[in-house]
Protein backbone atom coordinates (compact mmCIF):
# COMPACT_ATOMS: atom_id res chain seq x y z
CA MET A 1 -111.13 42.06 54.67
CA GLN A 2 -110.31 40.76 58.12
CA SER A 3 -107.35 41.96 60.10
CA GLN A 4 -105.73 38.52 59.96
CA GLU A 5 -105.98 38.52 56.17
CA ILE A 6 -104.31 41.91 55.93
CA ILE A 7 -101.61 40.80 58.35
CA LYS A 8 -100.98 37.64 56.32
CA LYS A 9 -100.84 39.66 53.10
CA ILE A 10 -98.36 42.14 54.51
CA ASP A 11 -96.27 39.29 55.90
CA SER A 12 -96.24 37.59 52.49
CA PHE A 13 -95.21 40.90 50.89
CA ARG A 14 -92.37 41.17 53.38
CA GLU A 15 -91.16 37.68 52.49
CA LYS A 16 -91.41 38.36 48.75
CA LYS A 17 -89.51 41.59 49.19
CA ARG A 18 -86.82 39.86 51.25
CA ILE A 19 -86.40 37.27 48.48
CA LEU A 20 -86.16 40.01 45.84
CA PHE A 21 -83.58 41.94 47.87
CA ASN A 22 -81.51 38.79 48.35
CA ARG A 23 -81.67 38.18 44.59
CA TYR A 24 -80.63 41.80 44.02
CA LEU A 25 -77.69 41.32 46.39
CA SER A 26 -76.59 38.12 44.65
CA LEU A 27 -76.78 39.80 41.22
CA THR A 28 -74.74 42.72 42.55
CA GLY A 29 -72.17 40.28 43.94
CA ARG A 30 -71.96 38.55 40.56
CA LEU A 31 -71.41 41.91 38.87
CA LYS A 32 -68.63 42.75 41.33
CA ALA A 33 -67.00 39.37 40.82
CA GLY A 34 -67.17 39.84 37.05
CA LEU A 35 -65.46 43.20 37.34
CA GLU A 36 -62.74 41.78 39.59
CA ASP A 37 -62.01 38.83 37.31
CA LYS A 38 -62.23 40.95 34.17
CA ASN A 39 -63.71 37.94 32.48
CA SER A 40 -66.05 38.01 29.55
CA ILE A 41 -69.21 38.37 31.63
CA LEU A 42 -71.54 40.76 29.88
CA PRO A 43 -73.24 42.90 32.50
CA ASP A 44 -76.28 43.63 30.31
CA GLY A 45 -78.18 40.54 31.44
CA LEU A 46 -77.28 41.01 35.08
CA LEU A 47 -78.18 44.70 34.97
CA SER A 48 -81.58 43.99 33.40
CA GLN A 49 -82.24 41.31 36.04
CA ARG A 50 -81.33 43.80 38.76
CA GLN A 51 -83.68 46.35 37.20
CA ASP A 52 -86.46 43.75 37.15
CA CYS A 53 -85.87 43.17 40.87
CA ILE A 54 -86.19 46.91 41.49
CA HIS A 55 -89.45 47.10 39.52
CA ASN A 56 -90.88 44.13 41.42
CA ILE A 57 -89.86 45.67 44.75
CA GLN A 58 -91.61 48.89 43.77
CA LYS A 59 -94.78 46.94 42.89
CA ILE A 60 -94.68 45.26 46.29
CA ASP A 61 -94.20 48.64 47.98
CA ARG A 62 -97.30 50.00 46.25
CA SER A 63 -99.29 46.93 47.31
CA VAL A 64 -98.09 47.21 50.91
CA VAL A 65 -99.06 50.88 51.08
CA LYS A 66 -102.48 50.06 49.64
CA ASN A 67 -103.01 47.25 52.18
CA ILE A 68 -101.78 49.35 55.09
CA LYS A 69 -104.21 52.12 54.13
CA ALA A 70 -106.99 49.55 53.81
CA GLY A 71 -106.08 48.15 57.22
CA ILE A 72 -106.07 51.58 58.84
CA THR A 73 -109.41 52.61 57.34
CA LYS A 74 -110.93 49.20 58.08
CA PHE A 75 -109.98 49.17 61.74
CA GLY A 76 -110.36 52.90 62.39
CA SER A 77 -107.31 53.08 64.58
CA ILE A 78 -104.20 50.99 64.34
CA SER A 79 -104.23 47.92 66.55
CA LYS A 80 -101.12 46.97 68.51
CA GLN A 81 -100.66 43.79 66.47
CA PHE A 82 -100.92 45.73 63.22
CA LYS A 83 -98.50 48.34 64.55
CA ARG A 84 -95.97 45.66 65.56
CA LEU A 85 -96.26 44.05 62.15
CA ILE A 86 -95.54 47.32 60.38
CA GLU A 87 -92.63 48.12 62.73
CA GLY A 88 -91.17 44.64 62.19
CA TYR A 89 -91.60 45.07 58.46
CA GLN A 90 -89.74 48.39 58.56
CA GLN A 91 -86.96 46.99 60.76
CA ASP A 92 -86.39 43.99 58.46
CA LEU A 93 -86.27 46.22 55.43
CA LYS A 94 -83.92 48.66 57.15
CA ILE A 95 -81.40 45.87 57.79
CA ILE A 96 -81.69 44.56 54.22
CA MET A 97 -81.44 48.05 52.73
CA GLN A 98 -78.24 48.75 54.69
CA ALA A 99 -76.66 45.64 53.16
CA VAL A 100 -77.91 46.63 49.70
CA THR A 101 -76.54 50.15 50.10
CA LEU A 102 -73.10 48.90 51.13
CA GLU A 103 -72.99 46.43 48.25
CA ASP A 104 -74.07 49.08 45.75
CA GLN A 105 -71.46 51.55 47.01
CA GLU A 106 -68.71 48.96 46.61
CA LEU A 107 -69.94 48.16 43.11
CA MET A 108 -70.03 51.86 42.18
CA VAL A 109 -66.42 52.31 43.30
CA ARG A 110 -65.33 49.34 41.20
CA VAL A 111 -67.30 50.52 38.19
CA GLN A 112 -65.78 53.99 38.45
CA THR A 113 -62.24 52.62 38.65
CA GLU A 114 -62.95 50.36 35.67
CA ARG A 115 -64.33 53.34 33.75
CA GLU A 116 -61.21 55.36 34.51
CA ARG A 117 -59.01 52.46 33.40
CA ILE A 118 -60.90 52.15 30.12
CA LYS A 119 -60.74 55.91 29.54
CA ALA A 120 -56.97 55.89 30.12
CA GLU A 121 -56.55 52.96 27.74
CA ILE A 122 -58.58 54.70 25.01
CA LEU A 123 -56.58 57.89 25.50
CA ARG A 124 -53.30 55.95 25.27
CA MET A 125 -54.49 54.27 22.07
CA GLN A 126 -55.52 57.65 20.66
CA HIS A 127 -52.09 59.12 21.38
CA GLY A 128 -50.42 56.13 19.75
CA ARG A 129 -52.56 56.53 16.65
CA GLN A 130 -51.79 60.25 16.46
CA ALA A 131 -48.09 59.58 16.85
CA ALA A 132 -48.15 56.97 14.11
CA THR A 133 -49.95 59.26 11.68
CA GLY A 134 -47.88 62.29 12.68
CA TYR A 135 -44.58 60.73 11.52
CA ARG A 136 -45.93 59.54 8.21
CA PRO A 137 -43.88 60.94 5.34
CA ASN A 138 -45.54 63.48 3.12
CA VAL A 139 -46.04 61.89 -0.23
CA ARG A 140 -45.94 64.28 -3.16
CA ARG A 141 -47.58 62.89 -6.17
CA ALA A 142 -46.75 63.92 -9.67
CA PRO A 143 -49.38 66.23 -11.06
CA ARG A 144 -51.95 64.74 -13.36
CA PHE A 145 -52.33 66.00 -16.86
CA TRP A 146 -55.09 68.44 -15.97
CA ASP A 147 -52.99 69.91 -13.14
CA THR A 148 -50.07 70.87 -15.37
CA ARG A 149 -49.78 74.09 -17.29
CA SER A 150 -49.25 73.93 -20.90
């Protein structure tokens, strides 16, 4: 494999990964918006789509590592162009990952507050149910014929 082919492959991987990260960010934004609006959005579909993005990103990472190793062994030492490509790749991903991290942290805070709200609501409902059953009058039934002494 020629150096230009490896460089083109790595560049295409970078673009695919950028697209997947942008999709991941948009799905995270939709999840956050759904939590804010408290509408009937079911997060299952969005969460599975996000997980698919993560799996695809991991596949791309494995392919990039394989191609980088192939490039290093093919050329013996790393050429300056190859080194710049890898550094640019890392820099792009660092910027994208910072945005993803911030978005995920904001989503986690919102999910935790929503969880606490739901827990408090369930606890309040439980207390109401216990109060309602606690004030129920004791009903004494008349003994049946087999319960009475003759």
